[in-house]
Structure formats: structure tokens, C-alpha cells
Amino acid sequence: MLKAGRRANALHIPVILDPVGAGATRLRTHFCQAVVEEISIQVIRGNASEILSLTGDRPGSDTKGVDSVHTVDQAMETANVLARELRTTLAITGAVDFITNGERVCAA
């Protein structure tokens, strides 16, 4: 995935990341964090817990498998900060979907 992401970046092809299960295991979490650090990603889409797990070793970002243990509301503020830091668009899926680029938000 890193090789594909680097190649897409070199060819100016948009990269979309769905960090499935990030936060559920250290392997998935650390790998998704590495992808976010190394690749320019235009959109990251995940549930609230997966998005929170991308913020590093901050407490409260554990998931149970691919199921979110956090609500979209719990992740909104962090998502805005993360979107600005990564210069990307974040889409958090849940009962209410939340999309932000760190400046503009949409919830539906």
C-alpha cells in the first residue's frame, strides 16, 4: 500500500484511505498511521474509532474489531484538528455522517 500510495502521489492520482480496523490491533493502527505520515491522502473515511486511532497514542481511541466504540459526536473536534494537520478531508460514518476539511463541516 505504501508503494502504491507513493506512486499515486507521484502521478498526482488522488488517494483515499479507509483505515479498516485501525485501533483494533497495534499492527493495523501503526500501519495506518505510517500510511498517513508517508502518503499525501486526499480523503480518509472511517468510523469514529478508526479516525481517532489515527491521532497517535492519545487515550480513548480503542476499537473492537471494525465496530466503532465512539460516536461521531465524540470524534468531531479531533477530526477537525486532524484534517487541518493532514491537509485532507475526513469523513466519519455513523448514525450521522460527518465530513470536514478542518475548516468546513457537513453533517447528514
C-alpha atoms as a PDB file:
ATOM      1  CA  MET A   1       0.000   0.000   0.000  1.00  0.00           C
ATOM      2  CA  LEU A   2       2.862   2.373   0.709  1.00  0.00           C
ATOM      3  CA  LYS A   3       4.383   1.690  -2.701  1.00  0.00           C
ATOM      4  CA  ALA A   4       1.011   2.234  -4.414  1.00  0.00           C
ATOM      5  CA  GLY A   5       0.416   5.424  -2.420  1.00  0.00           C
ATOM      6  CA  ARG A   6       3.824   6.839  -3.305  1.00  0.00           C
ATOM      7  CA  ARG A   7       3.254   6.048  -6.981  1.00  0.00           C
ATOM      8  CA  ALA A   8      -0.206   7.632  -6.925  1.00  0.00           C
ATOM      9  CA  ASN A   9       1.272  10.749  -5.307  1.00  0.00           C
ATOM     10  CA  ALA A  10       3.986  10.909  -7.975  1.00  0.00           C
ATOM     11  CA  LEU A  11       1.347  10.661 -10.728  1.00  0.00           C
ATOM     12  CA  HIS A  12      -0.993  13.145  -8.974  1.00  0.00           C
ATOM     13  CA  ILE A  13      -3.676  10.489  -8.560  1.00  0.00           C
ATOM     14  CA  PRO A  14      -5.937  11.147  -5.542  1.00  0.00           C
ATOM     15  CA  VAL A  15      -5.519   8.728  -2.647  1.00  0.00           C
ATOM     16  CA  ILE A  16      -8.441   7.670  -0.459  1.00  0.00           C
ATOM     17  CA  LEU A  17      -7.764   5.740   2.760  1.00  0.00           C
ATOM     18  CA  ASP A  18     -10.260   3.599   4.644  1.00  0.00           C
ATOM     19  CA  PRO A  19      -8.360   2.581   7.805  1.00  0.00           C
ATOM     20  CA  VAL A  20     -10.428  -0.564   8.446  1.00  0.00           C
ATOM     21  CA  GLY A  21      -9.829  -1.865  11.955  1.00  0.00           C
ATOM     22  CA  ALA A  22      -7.333   0.858  12.881  1.00  0.00           C
ATOM     23  CA  GLY A  23      -7.325   0.980  16.655  1.00  0.00           C
ATOM     24  CA  ALA A  24      -8.346  -2.685  16.938  1.00  0.00           C
ATOM     25  CA  THR A  25      -4.773  -4.024  16.804  1.00  0.00           C
ATOM     26  CA  ARG A  26      -1.373  -2.398  17.095  1.00  0.00           C
ATOM     27  CA  LEU A  27      -0.378  -3.698  13.658  1.00  0.00           C
ATOM     28  CA  ARG A  28      -3.357  -2.110  11.889  1.00  0.00           C
ATOM     29  CA  THR A  29      -3.087   1.088  13.912  1.00  0.00           C
ATOM     30  CA  HIS A  30       0.637   1.610  13.381  1.00  0.00           C
ATOM     31  CA  PHE A  31       0.420   0.723   9.692  1.00  0.00           C
ATOM     32  CA  CYS A  32      -2.451   3.159   9.080  1.00  0.00           C
ATOM     33  CA  GLN A  33      -0.546   5.851  10.979  1.00  0.00           C
ATOM     34  CA  ALA A  34       2.517   5.163   8.786  1.00  0.00           C
ATOM     35  CA  VAL A  35       0.428   5.491   5.628  1.00  0.00           C
ATOM     36  CA  VAL A  36      -0.977   8.814   6.856  1.00  0.00           C
ATOM     37  CA  GLU A  37       2.531  10.080   7.664  1.00  0.00           C
ATOM     38  CA  GLU A  38       4.158   8.993   4.399  1.00  0.00           C
ATOM     39  CA  ILE A  39       1.444   9.450   1.779  1.00  0.00           C
ATOM     40  CA  SER A  40      -0.465  12.554   0.732  1.00  0.00           C
ATOM     41  CA  ILE A  41      -4.056  11.439   1.211  1.00  0.00           C
ATOM     42  CA  GLN A  42      -6.956  13.440  -0.169  1.00  0.00           C
ATOM     43  CA  VAL A  43      -9.775  11.658   1.740  1.00  0.00           C
ATOM     44  CA  ILE A  44      -9.813   9.474   4.837  1.00  0.00           C
ATOM     45  CA  ARG A  45     -13.069   7.658   5.552  1.00  0.00           C
ATOM     46  CA  GLY A  46     -13.776   5.580   8.646  1.00  0.00           C
ATOM     47  CA  ASN A  47     -15.893   5.162  11.711  1.00  0.00           C
ATOM     48  CA  ALA A  48     -15.266   7.403  14.726  1.00  0.00           C
ATOM     49  CA  SER A  49     -12.900   4.994  16.482  1.00  0.00           C
ATOM     50  CA  GLU A  50     -10.827   4.391  13.346  1.00  0.00           C
ATOM     51  CA  ILE A  51     -10.420   8.129  12.806  1.00  0.00           C
ATOM     52  CA  LEU A  52      -9.484   8.695  16.460  1.00  0.00           C
ATOM     53  CA  SER A  53      -6.861   5.940  16.244  1.00  0.00           C
ATOM     54  CA  LEU A  54      -5.001   7.924  13.564  1.00  0.00           C
ATOM     55  CA  THR A  55      -4.187  10.666  16.066  1.00  0.00           C
ATOM     56  CA  GLY A  56      -1.386   8.646  17.642  1.00  0.00           C
ATOM     57  CA  ASP A  57      -1.179   7.296  21.144  1.00  0.00           C
ATOM     58  CA  ARG A  58      -3.883   9.513  22.576  1.00  0.00           C
ATOM     59  CA  PRO A  59      -6.098   7.659  25.047  1.00  0.00           C
ATOM     60  CA  GLY A  60      -9.630   6.619  24.219  1.00  0.00           C
ATOM     61  CA  SER A  61      -9.168   5.523  20.641  1.00  0.00           C
ATOM     62  CA  ASP A  62      -9.542   1.765  21.081  1.00  0.00           C
ATOM     63  CA  THR A  63     -11.962  -0.098  18.843  1.00  0.00           C
ATOM     64  CA  LYS A  64     -13.416  -3.572  18.921  1.00  0.00           C
ATOM     65  CA  GLY A  65     -12.697  -5.089  15.535  1.00  0.00           C
ATOM     66  CA  VAL A  66     -14.192  -2.912  12.836  1.00  0.00           C
ATOM     67  CA  ASP A  67     -17.012  -1.701  15.094  1.00  0.00           C
ATOM     68  CA  SER A  68     -16.759   1.792  16.498  1.00  0.00           C
ATOM     69  CA  VAL A  69     -16.886   2.231  20.245  1.00  0.00           C
ATOM     70  CA  HIS A  70     -17.057   6.003  19.800  1.00  0.00           C
ATOM     71  CA  THR A  71     -19.809   8.167  18.393  1.00  0.00           C
ATOM     72  CA  VAL A  72     -19.426  10.637  15.587  1.00  0.00           C
ATOM     73  CA  ASP A  73     -20.046  13.431  18.118  1.00  0.00           C
ATOM     74  CA  GLN A  74     -17.079  12.248  20.205  1.00  0.00           C
ATOM     75  CA  ALA A  75     -14.772  12.434  17.177  1.00  0.00           C
ATOM     76  CA  MET A  76     -15.852  15.716  15.565  1.00  0.00           C
ATOM     77  CA  GLU A  77     -13.432  18.063  17.308  1.00  0.00           C
ATOM     78  CA  THR A  78     -10.468  15.732  16.849  1.00  0.00           C
ATOM     79  CA  ALA A  79     -11.443  15.203  13.202  1.00  0.00           C
ATOM     80  CA  ASN A  80     -11.348  18.953  12.540  1.00  0.00           C
ATOM     81  CA  VAL A  81      -7.861  19.230  14.051  1.00  0.00           C
ATOM     82  CA  LEU A  82      -6.603  16.111  12.246  1.00  0.00           C
ATOM     83  CA  ALA A  83      -7.993  17.285   8.895  1.00  0.00           C
ATOM     84  CA  ARG A  84      -6.135  20.587   9.251  1.00  0.00           C
ATOM     85  CA  GLU A  85      -2.909  18.861  10.328  1.00  0.00           C
ATOM     86  CA  LEU A  86      -3.031  16.376   7.445  1.00  0.00           C
ATOM     87  CA  ARG A  87      -4.469  18.841   4.921  1.00  0.00           C
ATOM     88  CA  THR A  88      -7.099  16.312   3.943  1.00  0.00           C
ATOM     89  CA  THR A  89     -10.817  15.673   4.057  1.00  0.00           C
ATOM     90  CA  LEU A  90     -12.101  13.333   6.766  1.00  0.00           C
ATOM     91  CA  ALA A  91     -15.403  11.506   6.525  1.00  0.00           C
ATOM     92  CA  ILE A  92     -16.670   9.833   9.678  1.00  0.00           C
ATOM     93  CA  THR A  93     -19.513   7.403   9.135  1.00  0.00           C
ATOM     94  CA  GLY A  94     -22.088   6.572  11.760  1.00  0.00           C
ATOM     95  CA  ALA A  95     -25.713   7.262  12.633  1.00  0.00           C
ATOM     96  CA  VAL A  96     -24.951  10.768  11.389  1.00  0.00           C
ATOM     97  CA  ASP A  97     -22.112  11.131   8.885  1.00  0.00           C
ATOM     98  CA  PHE A  98     -19.633  13.967   9.451  1.00  0.00           C
ATOM     99  CA  ILE A  99     -17.301  15.391   6.814  1.00  0.00           C
ATOM    100  CA  THR A 100     -14.650  18.054   7.408  1.00  0.00           C
ATOM    101  CA  ASN A 101     -11.592  19.529   5.812  1.00  0.00           C
ATOM    102  CA  GLY A 102     -10.749  21.252   9.092  1.00  0.00           C
ATOM    103  CA  GLU A 103     -12.480  24.461   8.101  1.00  0.00           C
ATOM    104  CA  ARG A 104     -15.808  23.479   6.612  1.00  0.00           C
ATOM    105  CA  VAL A 105     -18.064  20.784   8.003  1.00  0.00           C
ATOM    106  CA  CYS A 106     -21.111  18.878   6.857  1.00  0.00           C
ATOM    107  CA  ALA A 107     -23.222  16.507   8.932  1.00  0.00           C
ATOM    108  CA  ALA A 108     -26.059  14.483   7.462  1.00  0.00           C
END
